[in-house]
N, C-alpha and C. Protein backbone atom coordinates (compact mmCIF):
# COMPACT_ATOMS: atom_id res chain seq x y z
N MET A 1 17.64 49.63 -7.57
CA MET A 1 17.97 48.61 -6.58
C MET A 1 19.32 47.97 -6.88
N ALA A 2 19.69 47.86 -8.18
CA ALA A 2 20.98 47.27 -8.52
C ALA A 2 22.12 48.09 -7.95
N THR A 3 22.02 49.43 -8.12
CA THR A 3 23.06 50.31 -7.59
C THR A 3 23.12 50.26 -6.08
N ILE A 4 21.96 50.25 -5.43
CA ILE A 4 21.90 50.22 -3.98
C ILE A 4 22.47 48.90 -3.45
N SER A 5 22.15 47.80 -4.11
CA SER A 5 22.65 46.50 -3.65
C SER A 5 24.17 46.43 -3.75
N ILE A 6 24.74 47.05 -4.80
CA ILE A 6 26.20 47.10 -4.93
C ILE A 6 26.80 47.88 -3.77
N GLN A 7 26.19 49.05 -3.48
CA GLN A 7 26.70 49.89 -2.40
C GLN A 7 26.58 49.20 -1.05
N MET A 8 25.45 48.55 -0.81
CA MET A 8 25.24 47.87 0.46
C MET A 8 26.23 46.72 0.64
N ALA A 9 26.39 45.90 -0.39
CA ALA A 9 27.29 44.76 -0.31
C ALA A 9 28.73 45.23 -0.10
N PHE A 10 29.10 46.28 -0.80
CA PHE A 10 30.47 46.78 -0.69
C PHE A 10 30.72 47.39 0.69
N PHE A 11 29.75 48.13 1.21
CA PHE A 11 29.93 48.74 2.53
C PHE A 11 30.05 47.69 3.63
N ILE A 12 29.22 46.63 3.54
CA ILE A 12 29.30 45.55 4.54
C ILE A 12 30.69 44.95 4.55
N ALA A 13 31.23 44.68 3.36
CA ALA A 13 32.57 44.09 3.27
C ALA A 13 33.63 45.06 3.78
N PHE A 14 33.50 46.33 3.39
CA PHE A 14 34.49 47.33 3.77
C PHE A 14 34.52 47.55 5.28
N GLU A 15 33.34 47.55 5.90
CA GLU A 15 33.25 47.76 7.34
C GLU A 15 33.88 46.61 8.11
N GLN A 16 33.80 45.40 7.58
CA GLN A 16 34.41 44.25 8.23
C GLN A 16 35.93 44.32 8.16
N ILE A 17 36.45 45.03 7.16
CA ILE A 17 37.89 45.10 6.97
C ILE A 17 38.50 46.27 7.74
N VAL A 18 37.90 47.46 7.64
CA VAL A 18 38.37 48.65 8.36
C VAL A 18 37.19 49.29 9.09
N GLU A 19 36.80 48.69 10.19
CA GLU A 19 35.57 49.08 10.86
C GLU A 19 35.59 50.52 11.35
N SER A 20 36.61 50.92 12.09
CA SER A 20 36.60 52.24 12.71
C SER A 20 36.78 53.38 11.71
N GLU A 21 37.48 53.12 10.60
CA GLU A 21 37.69 54.17 9.60
C GLU A 21 36.66 54.15 8.48
N SER A 22 35.74 53.18 8.50
CA SER A 22 34.85 52.97 7.36
C SER A 22 33.96 54.18 7.06
N ASP A 23 33.45 54.84 8.10
CA ASP A 23 32.56 55.98 7.87
C ASP A 23 33.28 57.16 7.23
N SER A 24 34.49 57.43 7.68
CA SER A 24 35.21 58.61 7.21
C SER A 24 35.80 58.45 5.81
N MET A 25 36.19 57.25 5.42
CA MET A 25 36.87 57.07 4.14
C MET A 25 36.09 56.26 3.12
N PHE A 26 34.89 55.80 3.48
CA PHE A 26 34.17 54.90 2.58
C PHE A 26 33.86 55.53 1.23
N LYS A 27 33.30 56.74 1.22
CA LYS A 27 32.89 57.37 -0.04
C LYS A 27 34.07 57.54 -0.98
N ALA A 28 35.18 58.03 -0.45
CA ALA A 28 36.35 58.25 -1.29
C ALA A 28 36.91 56.93 -1.80
N PHE A 29 36.96 55.91 -0.92
CA PHE A 29 37.49 54.62 -1.33
C PHE A 29 36.56 53.96 -2.34
N GLU A 30 35.25 54.04 -2.12
CA GLU A 30 34.29 53.45 -3.04
C GLU A 30 34.41 54.07 -4.43
N HIS A 31 34.60 55.38 -4.47
CA HIS A 31 34.73 56.09 -5.76
C HIS A 31 35.90 55.54 -6.56
N GLU A 32 37.04 55.34 -5.89
CA GLU A 32 38.21 54.81 -6.58
C GLU A 32 38.03 53.33 -6.92
N PHE A 33 37.41 52.59 -6.02
CA PHE A 33 37.25 51.15 -6.26
C PHE A 33 36.30 50.89 -7.42
N ASN A 34 35.28 51.72 -7.59
CA ASN A 34 34.38 51.56 -8.73
C ASN A 34 35.13 51.71 -10.05
N LYS A 35 36.03 52.68 -10.10
CA LYS A 35 36.84 52.87 -11.31
C LYS A 35 37.79 51.69 -11.51
N LEU A 36 38.34 51.21 -10.40
CA LEU A 36 39.22 50.04 -10.46
C LEU A 36 38.48 48.83 -11.03
N ALA A 37 37.27 48.58 -10.52
CA ALA A 37 36.50 47.42 -10.97
C ALA A 37 36.13 47.53 -12.45
N ARG A 38 35.73 48.72 -12.88
CA ARG A 38 35.39 48.90 -14.31
C ARG A 38 36.62 48.71 -15.19
N GLY A 39 37.78 49.09 -14.67
CA GLY A 39 39.01 48.94 -15.45
C GLY A 39 39.39 47.49 -15.68
N THR A 40 39.02 46.61 -14.73
CA THR A 40 39.39 45.19 -14.87
C THR A 40 38.60 44.47 -15.96
N ILE A 41 37.48 45.02 -16.37
CA ILE A 41 36.67 44.37 -17.42
C ILE A 41 36.68 45.20 -18.70
N SER A 42 37.74 45.98 -18.89
CA SER A 42 37.87 46.79 -20.09
C SER A 42 39.06 46.31 -20.92
N LEU A 43 39.15 46.80 -22.13
CA LEU A 43 40.30 46.45 -22.97
C LEU A 43 41.57 47.02 -22.35
N PRO A 44 42.64 46.23 -22.29
CA PRO A 44 43.88 46.69 -21.65
C PRO A 44 44.65 47.69 -22.49
N ILE A 45 44.05 48.86 -22.69
CA ILE A 45 44.68 49.94 -23.45
C ILE A 45 45.07 51.03 -22.45
N ASP A 46 46.36 51.11 -22.15
CA ASP A 46 46.84 52.01 -21.11
C ASP A 46 47.13 53.40 -21.68
N ILE A 47 46.06 54.05 -22.11
CA ILE A 47 46.15 55.41 -22.66
C ILE A 47 45.24 56.31 -21.85
N GLN A 48 45.71 57.50 -21.54
CA GLN A 48 44.93 58.41 -20.71
C GLN A 48 43.52 58.62 -21.28
N GLY A 49 42.53 58.48 -20.41
CA GLY A 49 41.14 58.65 -20.83
C GLY A 49 40.39 57.34 -20.97
N THR A 50 41.12 56.22 -21.09
CA THR A 50 40.46 54.92 -21.21
C THR A 50 40.08 54.39 -19.83
N ARG A 51 39.13 53.46 -19.80
CA ARG A 51 38.72 52.84 -18.54
C ARG A 51 39.89 52.10 -17.89
N TYR A 52 40.69 51.45 -18.70
CA TYR A 52 41.83 50.69 -18.18
C TYR A 52 42.82 51.63 -17.49
N TYR A 53 43.10 52.76 -18.11
CA TYR A 53 44.02 53.74 -17.53
C TYR A 53 43.47 54.29 -16.22
N ARG A 54 42.17 54.65 -16.23
CA ARG A 54 41.56 55.17 -15.01
C ARG A 54 41.53 54.11 -13.91
N GLY A 55 41.36 52.84 -14.31
CA GLY A 55 41.37 51.76 -13.34
C GLY A 55 42.72 51.61 -12.67
N ARG A 56 43.80 51.74 -13.46
CA ARG A 56 45.15 51.64 -12.89
C ARG A 56 45.43 52.81 -11.96
N GLN A 57 44.98 54.00 -12.33
CA GLN A 57 45.15 55.17 -11.47
C GLN A 57 44.37 54.98 -10.15
N ALA A 58 43.16 54.44 -10.29
CA ALA A 58 42.32 54.22 -9.11
C ALA A 58 42.93 53.18 -8.18
N MET A 59 43.57 52.16 -8.74
CA MET A 59 44.24 51.15 -7.93
C MET A 59 45.31 51.78 -7.06
N ARG A 60 46.09 52.68 -7.63
CA ARG A 60 47.14 53.36 -6.87
C ARG A 60 46.54 54.21 -5.75
N GLU A 61 45.42 54.90 -6.06
CA GLU A 61 44.77 55.72 -5.05
C GLU A 61 44.23 54.86 -3.90
N ALA A 62 43.61 53.74 -4.24
CA ALA A 62 43.06 52.85 -3.22
C ALA A 62 44.17 52.28 -2.33
N ILE A 63 45.28 51.90 -2.96
CA ILE A 63 46.42 51.37 -2.21
C ILE A 63 46.97 52.43 -1.26
N ASP A 64 47.08 53.68 -1.73
CA ASP A 64 47.59 54.76 -0.89
C ASP A 64 46.69 54.99 0.32
N MET A 65 45.37 54.89 0.14
CA MET A 65 44.43 55.05 1.26
C MET A 65 44.64 53.98 2.31
N LEU A 66 44.81 52.75 1.85
CA LEU A 66 45.01 51.65 2.79
C LEU A 66 46.35 51.77 3.50
N LYS A 67 47.38 52.20 2.77
CA LYS A 67 48.68 52.41 3.39
C LYS A 67 48.61 53.46 4.48
N GLN A 68 47.83 54.52 4.24
CA GLN A 68 47.70 55.58 5.23
C GLN A 68 47.02 55.08 6.50
N VAL A 69 45.99 54.25 6.32
CA VAL A 69 45.30 53.67 7.47
C VAL A 69 46.27 52.80 8.28
N MET A 70 47.06 52.00 7.59
CA MET A 70 48.02 51.13 8.26
C MET A 70 49.09 51.95 8.99
N LYS A 71 49.52 53.04 8.38
CA LYS A 71 50.52 53.91 9.00
C LYS A 71 49.97 54.53 10.28
N GLU A 72 48.72 55.03 10.21
CA GLU A 72 48.11 55.64 11.39
C GLU A 72 47.87 54.63 12.50
N ARG A 73 47.52 53.43 12.15
CA ARG A 73 47.30 52.40 13.17
C ARG A 73 48.59 51.99 13.85
N ARG A 74 49.68 51.93 13.11
CA ARG A 74 50.95 51.57 13.72
C ARG A 74 51.45 52.67 14.67
N ALA A 75 51.02 53.90 14.41
CA ALA A 75 51.41 55.01 15.28
C ALA A 75 50.53 55.09 16.53
N SER A 76 49.50 54.27 16.58
CA SER A 76 48.57 54.28 17.71
C SER A 76 48.61 52.92 18.41
N SER A 77 48.25 52.93 19.68
CA SER A 77 48.20 51.68 20.45
C SER A 77 46.79 51.09 20.50
N ALA A 78 45.87 51.74 19.79
CA ALA A 78 44.47 51.30 19.82
C ALA A 78 44.31 49.94 19.15
N LYS A 79 43.39 49.15 19.69
CA LYS A 79 43.07 47.85 19.11
C LYS A 79 41.77 47.97 18.32
N HIS A 80 41.64 47.15 17.30
CA HIS A 80 40.47 47.19 16.44
C HIS A 80 39.95 45.77 16.23
N ASP A 81 38.66 45.65 16.12
CA ASP A 81 38.03 44.34 15.90
C ASP A 81 37.63 44.21 14.44
N ASP A 82 38.62 44.20 13.56
CA ASP A 82 38.34 44.05 12.14
C ASP A 82 39.44 43.23 11.47
N MET A 83 39.24 42.95 10.20
CA MET A 83 40.16 42.07 9.48
C MET A 83 41.55 42.67 9.33
N LEU A 84 41.62 43.97 9.07
CA LEU A 84 42.92 44.60 8.89
C LEU A 84 43.78 44.48 10.15
N TYR A 85 43.15 44.67 11.30
CA TYR A 85 43.90 44.59 12.56
C TYR A 85 44.52 43.21 12.74
N TYR A 86 43.74 42.17 12.45
CA TYR A 86 44.25 40.81 12.65
C TYR A 86 45.29 40.43 11.60
N LEU A 87 45.17 40.99 10.41
CA LEU A 87 46.20 40.75 9.40
C LEU A 87 47.51 41.42 9.78
N MET A 88 47.40 42.59 10.42
CA MET A 88 48.60 43.34 10.82
C MET A 88 49.19 42.84 12.14
N ASN A 89 48.41 42.12 12.93
CA ASN A 89 48.86 41.71 14.26
C ASN A 89 48.64 40.22 14.49
N ASP A 90 49.17 39.43 13.59
CA ASP A 90 49.03 37.98 13.71
C ASP A 90 50.15 37.43 14.58
N ASP A 91 49.83 37.15 15.83
CA ASP A 91 50.83 36.65 16.76
C ASP A 91 51.13 35.16 16.59
N SER A 92 50.24 34.46 15.91
CA SER A 92 50.43 33.02 15.77
C SER A 92 51.51 32.67 14.75
N GLY A 93 51.77 33.61 13.84
CA GLY A 93 52.76 33.35 12.80
C GLY A 93 52.22 32.61 11.61
N SER A 94 50.93 32.26 11.64
CA SER A 94 50.32 31.51 10.53
C SER A 94 49.99 32.41 9.36
N CYS A 95 49.98 33.72 9.60
CA CYS A 95 49.62 34.67 8.53
C CYS A 95 50.62 35.82 8.53
N ASN A 96 51.88 35.48 8.33
CA ASN A 96 52.95 36.47 8.40
C ASN A 96 53.09 37.18 7.05
N LEU A 97 52.30 38.23 6.86
CA LEU A 97 52.27 38.94 5.58
C LEU A 97 52.92 40.31 5.71
N ASN A 98 53.59 40.74 4.64
CA ASN A 98 54.10 42.10 4.63
C ASN A 98 52.98 43.05 4.17
N ASP A 99 53.25 44.35 4.19
CA ASP A 99 52.21 45.32 3.88
C ASP A 99 51.63 45.13 2.47
N GLU A 100 52.49 44.87 1.52
CA GLU A 100 52.03 44.67 0.14
C GLU A 100 51.08 43.48 0.04
N GLU A 101 51.41 42.41 0.74
CA GLU A 101 50.56 41.21 0.72
C GLU A 101 49.24 41.44 1.45
N ILE A 102 49.28 42.21 2.53
CA ILE A 102 48.05 42.52 3.25
C ILE A 102 47.10 43.32 2.37
N ILE A 103 47.62 44.34 1.71
CA ILE A 103 46.80 45.17 0.83
C ILE A 103 46.27 44.35 -0.33
N ASP A 104 47.09 43.46 -0.86
CA ASP A 104 46.65 42.59 -1.95
C ASP A 104 45.49 41.70 -1.50
N GLN A 105 45.57 41.19 -0.27
CA GLN A 105 44.49 40.36 0.27
C GLN A 105 43.19 41.17 0.39
N ILE A 106 43.30 42.40 0.88
CA ILE A 106 42.12 43.24 1.06
C ILE A 106 41.46 43.56 -0.27
N ILE A 107 42.26 43.96 -1.26
CA ILE A 107 41.71 44.27 -2.58
C ILE A 107 41.04 43.04 -3.18
N THR A 108 41.68 41.88 -3.01
CA THR A 108 41.12 40.63 -3.55
C THR A 108 39.78 40.30 -2.91
N ILE A 109 39.72 40.42 -1.58
CA ILE A 109 38.48 40.12 -0.86
C ILE A 109 37.35 41.06 -1.30
N LEU A 110 37.66 42.34 -1.39
CA LEU A 110 36.64 43.31 -1.79
C LEU A 110 36.18 43.06 -3.23
N TYR A 111 37.12 42.75 -4.10
CA TYR A 111 36.77 42.56 -5.51
C TYR A 111 36.03 41.25 -5.74
N SER A 112 36.39 40.20 -4.97
CA SER A 112 35.81 38.88 -5.21
C SER A 112 34.30 38.87 -5.07
N GLY A 113 33.77 39.71 -4.18
CA GLY A 113 32.32 39.73 -4.00
C GLY A 113 31.65 40.96 -4.55
N TYR A 114 32.42 41.80 -5.26
CA TYR A 114 31.91 43.10 -5.70
C TYR A 114 30.70 42.98 -6.61
N GLU A 115 30.83 42.19 -7.66
CA GLU A 115 29.73 42.08 -8.62
C GLU A 115 28.82 40.90 -8.32
N MET A 116 29.41 39.75 -7.95
CA MET A 116 28.61 38.55 -7.72
C MET A 116 27.60 38.75 -6.61
N VAL A 117 28.05 39.28 -5.47
CA VAL A 117 27.15 39.45 -4.34
C VAL A 117 26.06 40.45 -4.65
N SER A 118 26.43 41.58 -5.26
CA SER A 118 25.42 42.60 -5.57
C SER A 118 24.39 42.10 -6.58
N THR A 119 24.84 41.31 -7.57
CA THR A 119 23.91 40.75 -8.55
C THR A 119 22.96 39.77 -7.89
N MET A 120 23.48 38.93 -7.00
CA MET A 120 22.63 37.96 -6.31
C MET A 120 21.64 38.65 -5.37
N LEU A 121 22.08 39.75 -4.75
CA LEU A 121 21.16 40.50 -3.90
C LEU A 121 20.02 41.08 -4.74
N MET A 122 20.36 41.65 -5.87
CA MET A 122 19.34 42.22 -6.75
C MET A 122 18.33 41.16 -7.18
N MET A 123 18.83 39.99 -7.61
CA MET A 123 17.93 38.95 -8.08
C MET A 123 17.13 38.34 -6.94
N ALA A 124 17.74 38.25 -5.73
CA ALA A 124 17.01 37.73 -4.58
C ALA A 124 15.86 38.64 -4.21
N ILE A 125 16.09 39.94 -4.26
CA ILE A 125 15.03 40.91 -3.93
C ILE A 125 13.90 40.82 -4.96
N LYS A 126 14.27 40.67 -6.23
CA LYS A 126 13.23 40.53 -7.26
C LYS A 126 12.46 39.23 -7.08
N TYR A 127 13.17 38.15 -6.79
CA TYR A 127 12.51 36.86 -6.59
C TYR A 127 11.54 36.92 -5.41
N LEU A 128 11.98 37.50 -4.31
CA LEU A 128 11.14 37.57 -3.12
C LEU A 128 9.94 38.46 -3.35
N ASN A 129 10.12 39.50 -4.16
CA ASN A 129 8.98 40.36 -4.50
C ASN A 129 7.96 39.60 -5.34
N ASP A 130 8.44 38.76 -6.25
CA ASP A 130 7.56 37.99 -7.13
C ASP A 130 6.97 36.76 -6.45
N HIS A 131 7.57 36.33 -5.33
CA HIS A 131 7.11 35.13 -4.63
C HIS A 131 6.93 35.44 -3.13
N PRO A 132 5.83 36.06 -2.77
CA PRO A 132 5.62 36.48 -1.38
C PRO A 132 5.64 35.34 -0.37
N ARG A 133 5.29 34.12 -0.79
CA ARG A 133 5.33 33.00 0.15
C ARG A 133 6.77 32.70 0.57
N ALA A 134 7.69 32.82 -0.38
CA ALA A 134 9.11 32.61 -0.06
C ALA A 134 9.60 33.70 0.89
N LEU A 135 9.14 34.93 0.66
CA LEU A 135 9.51 36.03 1.54
C LEU A 135 9.00 35.79 2.97
N GLN A 136 7.80 35.25 3.07
CA GLN A 136 7.24 35.00 4.40
C GLN A 136 8.02 33.91 5.13
N VAL A 137 8.51 32.92 4.37
CA VAL A 137 9.33 31.87 4.98
C VAL A 137 10.59 32.48 5.58
N ILE A 138 11.20 33.41 4.85
CA ILE A 138 12.41 34.06 5.36
C ILE A 138 12.10 34.83 6.63
N ARG A 139 11.00 35.54 6.62
CA ARG A 139 10.64 36.32 7.81
C ARG A 139 10.34 35.40 8.99
N ASP A 140 9.70 34.28 8.71
CA ASP A 140 9.37 33.35 9.79
C ASP A 140 10.61 32.65 10.32
N LYS A 141 11.48 32.25 9.43
CA LYS A 141 12.66 31.49 9.83
C LYS A 141 13.85 32.40 10.15
N SER A 142 13.73 33.66 9.76
CA SER A 142 14.83 34.62 9.97
C SER A 142 16.15 34.10 9.44
N LEU A 143 16.10 33.56 8.21
CA LEU A 143 17.27 33.08 7.49
C LEU A 143 17.94 31.87 8.13
N GLU A 144 17.19 31.10 8.92
CA GLU A 144 17.79 29.94 9.59
C GLU A 144 18.38 28.95 8.59
N CYS A 145 17.67 28.71 7.51
CA CYS A 145 18.15 27.74 6.53
C CYS A 145 18.45 28.39 5.19
N HIS A 146 17.96 29.62 4.96
CA HIS A 146 18.06 30.23 3.62
C HIS A 146 19.49 30.52 3.22
N ASN A 147 20.41 30.63 4.21
CA ASN A 147 21.79 30.98 3.89
C ASN A 147 22.43 30.07 2.85
N TYR A 148 22.03 28.82 2.84
CA TYR A 148 22.73 27.83 2.02
C TYR A 148 22.06 27.59 0.66
N CYS A 149 21.17 28.49 0.28
CA CYS A 149 20.48 28.33 -0.99
C CYS A 149 21.21 29.02 -2.13
N PHE A 150 22.37 29.60 -1.88
CA PHE A 150 23.10 30.32 -2.91
C PHE A 150 24.36 29.54 -3.29
N LEU A 151 24.64 29.47 -4.57
CA LEU A 151 25.80 28.74 -5.05
C LEU A 151 26.83 29.71 -5.58
N PHE A 152 28.09 29.52 -5.19
CA PHE A 152 29.18 30.34 -5.68
C PHE A 152 30.17 29.43 -6.40
N GLY A 153 29.81 28.99 -7.57
CA GLY A 153 30.70 28.12 -8.33
C GLY A 153 30.62 26.69 -7.84
N GLU A 154 31.17 25.78 -8.61
CA GLU A 154 31.15 24.37 -8.23
C GLU A 154 32.28 23.65 -8.94
N GLY A 155 32.62 22.48 -8.45
CA GLY A 155 33.68 21.69 -9.08
C GLY A 155 34.99 22.45 -9.11
N SER A 156 35.63 22.47 -10.27
CA SER A 156 36.93 23.11 -10.41
C SER A 156 36.83 24.63 -10.32
N ARG A 157 35.61 25.18 -10.36
CA ARG A 157 35.44 26.62 -10.29
C ARG A 157 34.90 27.06 -8.92
N LEU A 158 35.19 26.28 -7.90
CA LEU A 158 34.76 26.63 -6.54
C LEU A 158 35.27 28.01 -6.16
N CYS A 159 34.38 28.86 -5.70
CA CYS A 159 34.74 30.23 -5.37
C CYS A 159 35.35 30.30 -3.97
N PRO A 160 36.57 30.86 -3.82
CA PRO A 160 37.20 30.94 -2.50
C PRO A 160 36.48 31.91 -1.57
N GLY A 161 35.65 32.79 -2.11
CA GLY A 161 34.94 33.75 -1.28
C GLY A 161 33.51 33.32 -0.97
N LYS A 162 33.22 32.02 -1.11
CA LYS A 162 31.85 31.53 -0.93
C LYS A 162 31.28 31.87 0.44
N LYS A 163 31.99 31.50 1.50
CA LYS A 163 31.46 31.75 2.84
C LYS A 163 31.35 33.24 3.14
N TRP A 164 32.32 34.00 2.69
CA TRP A 164 32.29 35.45 2.87
C TRP A 164 31.09 36.05 2.14
N GLY A 165 30.83 35.57 0.94
CA GLY A 165 29.68 36.06 0.18
C GLY A 165 28.36 35.69 0.84
N ILE A 166 28.29 34.47 1.38
CA ILE A 166 27.08 34.02 2.06
C ILE A 166 26.79 34.90 3.27
N VAL A 167 27.84 35.26 4.01
CA VAL A 167 27.65 36.13 5.18
C VAL A 167 27.07 37.47 4.77
N LYS A 168 27.62 38.08 3.73
CA LYS A 168 27.14 39.38 3.29
C LYS A 168 25.70 39.32 2.80
N ILE A 169 25.39 38.30 2.00
CA ILE A 169 24.03 38.16 1.49
C ILE A 169 23.05 37.91 2.62
N SER A 170 23.43 37.05 3.55
CA SER A 170 22.56 36.72 4.67
C SER A 170 22.27 37.93 5.54
N MET A 171 23.31 38.71 5.83
CA MET A 171 23.12 39.91 6.65
C MET A 171 22.18 40.89 5.98
N PHE A 172 22.41 41.12 4.69
CA PHE A 172 21.57 42.08 3.96
C PHE A 172 20.11 41.61 3.90
N LEU A 173 19.90 40.37 3.50
CA LEU A 173 18.53 39.87 3.36
C LEU A 173 17.81 39.80 4.70
N HIS A 174 18.54 39.46 5.74
CA HIS A 174 17.91 39.40 7.06
C HIS A 174 17.35 40.77 7.46
N TYR A 175 18.20 41.79 7.40
CA TYR A 175 17.75 43.11 7.84
C TYR A 175 16.77 43.74 6.86
N PHE A 176 17.01 43.53 5.57
CA PHE A 176 16.13 44.15 4.58
C PHE A 176 14.73 43.52 4.59
N SER A 177 14.67 42.20 4.70
CA SER A 177 13.37 41.52 4.63
C SER A 177 12.57 41.62 5.92
N THR A 178 13.27 41.83 7.05
CA THR A 178 12.56 41.88 8.32
C THR A 178 12.27 43.30 8.80
N ARG A 179 12.80 44.28 8.11
CA ARG A 179 12.57 45.67 8.53
C ARG A 179 11.90 46.54 7.47
N TYR A 180 11.77 46.02 6.26
CA TYR A 180 11.20 46.83 5.19
C TYR A 180 10.18 46.05 4.37
N ARG A 181 9.31 46.81 3.76
CA ARG A 181 8.38 46.27 2.77
C ARG A 181 8.71 46.95 1.44
N TRP A 182 8.64 46.22 0.34
CA TRP A 182 8.97 46.83 -0.95
C TRP A 182 8.09 46.26 -2.04
N GLU A 183 7.94 47.05 -3.08
CA GLU A 183 7.20 46.62 -4.26
C GLU A 183 7.89 47.16 -5.50
N GLU A 184 7.91 46.36 -6.53
CA GLU A 184 8.58 46.75 -7.76
C GLU A 184 7.79 47.83 -8.48
N VAL A 185 8.51 48.82 -8.97
CA VAL A 185 7.89 49.93 -9.69
C VAL A 185 8.21 49.78 -11.17
N GLY A 186 7.18 49.65 -11.98
CA GLY A 186 7.39 49.47 -13.41
C GLY A 186 7.81 48.06 -13.75
N LYS A 187 8.17 47.85 -14.99
CA LYS A 187 8.58 46.54 -15.48
C LYS A 187 10.09 46.51 -15.65
N SER A 188 10.77 45.66 -14.91
CA SER A 188 12.22 45.58 -14.99
C SER A 188 12.65 44.56 -16.04
N GLU A 189 13.63 44.94 -16.83
CA GLU A 189 14.17 44.05 -17.85
C GLU A 189 15.44 43.39 -17.32
N ILE A 190 15.46 42.08 -17.30
CA ILE A 190 16.62 41.34 -16.80
C ILE A 190 17.29 40.60 -17.95
N HIS A 191 18.57 40.87 -18.14
CA HIS A 191 19.36 40.13 -19.12
C HIS A 191 20.12 39.02 -18.42
N LYS A 192 20.11 37.82 -18.98
CA LYS A 192 20.79 36.68 -18.38
C LYS A 192 22.04 36.25 -19.13
N PHE A 193 22.29 36.88 -20.28
CA PHE A 193 23.48 36.53 -21.07
C PHE A 193 24.01 37.78 -21.75
N PRO A 194 25.33 37.98 -21.79
CA PRO A 194 26.40 37.10 -21.26
C PRO A 194 26.59 37.23 -19.76
N ARG A 195 25.91 38.19 -19.13
CA ARG A 195 25.99 38.33 -17.67
C ARG A 195 24.63 38.76 -17.17
N VAL A 196 24.33 38.42 -15.93
CA VAL A 196 23.04 38.81 -15.35
C VAL A 196 23.09 40.28 -14.98
N GLU A 197 22.17 41.06 -15.52
CA GLU A 197 22.12 42.48 -15.22
C GLU A 197 20.75 43.04 -15.55
N ALA A 198 20.45 44.17 -14.93
CA ALA A 198 19.24 44.92 -15.25
C ALA A 198 19.70 46.21 -15.91
N PRO A 199 19.72 46.29 -17.24
CA PRO A 199 20.32 47.44 -17.94
C PRO A 199 19.69 48.77 -17.57
N ASN A 200 18.41 48.77 -17.21
CA ASN A 200 17.74 50.01 -16.83
C ASN A 200 17.51 50.10 -15.32
N GLY A 201 18.15 49.18 -14.58
CA GLY A 201 18.00 49.17 -13.13
C GLY A 201 16.77 48.40 -12.68
N LEU A 202 16.76 48.04 -11.41
CA LEU A 202 15.60 47.40 -10.79
C LEU A 202 15.05 48.39 -9.77
N HIS A 203 13.87 48.92 -10.06
CA HIS A 203 13.32 50.01 -9.25
C HIS A 203 12.24 49.49 -8.31
N ASP A 204 12.41 49.79 -7.02
CA ASP A 204 11.46 49.36 -6.00
C ASP A 204 11.08 50.53 -5.11
N ARG A 205 9.84 50.52 -4.65
CA ARG A 205 9.38 51.49 -3.66
C ARG A 205 9.51 50.83 -2.29
N VAL A 206 10.33 51.40 -1.41
CA VAL A 206 10.65 50.79 -0.13
C VAL A 206 10.06 51.63 1.01
N SER A 207 9.48 50.93 1.99
CA SER A 207 8.93 51.61 3.16
C SER A 207 9.29 50.83 4.42
N ASN A 208 9.39 51.55 5.54
CA ASN A 208 9.69 50.90 6.82
C ASN A 208 8.55 50.00 7.25
N CYS A 209 8.92 48.87 7.82
CA CYS A 209 7.90 47.95 8.32
C CYS A 209 8.55 47.04 9.34
N ASP A 210 8.37 47.31 10.62
CA ASP A 210 8.99 46.54 11.67
C ASP A 210 8.17 45.27 11.94
N TRP A 211 8.77 44.13 11.56
CA TRP A 211 8.09 42.85 11.74
C TRP A 211 8.41 42.24 13.09
N GLY A 212 9.14 42.96 13.92
CA GLY A 212 9.42 42.46 15.26
C GLY A 212 10.50 41.42 15.32
N ILE A 213 11.32 41.32 14.28
CA ILE A 213 12.41 40.35 14.24
C ILE A 213 13.72 41.07 14.45
N LYS A 214 14.49 40.63 15.43
CA LYS A 214 15.76 41.29 15.72
C LYS A 214 16.91 40.67 14.93
């Protein structure tokens, strides 16, 4: 479930940024971005074969993919309803960014919620599995109030991606809790220090279950 939650959270974010190209380039971009993310939490040893080196290589690959998308869009008159389109076509002048700055914004947005959102999704699914009454409240209320139960930093560490993270978590939990039933398989080990993680994964048996909530 930990791996799936990472993939789901990342795809939701990626689709909001490059909606029309997301299906065709997602797998390749995700592959490079995973290496990029691992490189950011490794020792900064820039020698071939290290995580840091592979992360730097992956960053260049990810940037090249985004540049190609931007090049193809400029050669076309098609309009798109996604973040990249509005960053590239800001008529108001309030967001006058060059290509390098646009790509930097995209990488930052994707990275800001990469681990935090997926970890919170994993723990939310485990909590709801362990507390069926809370799960029923979500199904009954369809996330009317649950969106604001998640904290993304506080005080001087306020997270700039808070609202973006809330949207992703809310979308995932809404569809997952109202369309599926799940039960934990085996005993999952959760580490809370120095970071929240399930070293052996969180394994759940998932089945379709239409609760009639749209």
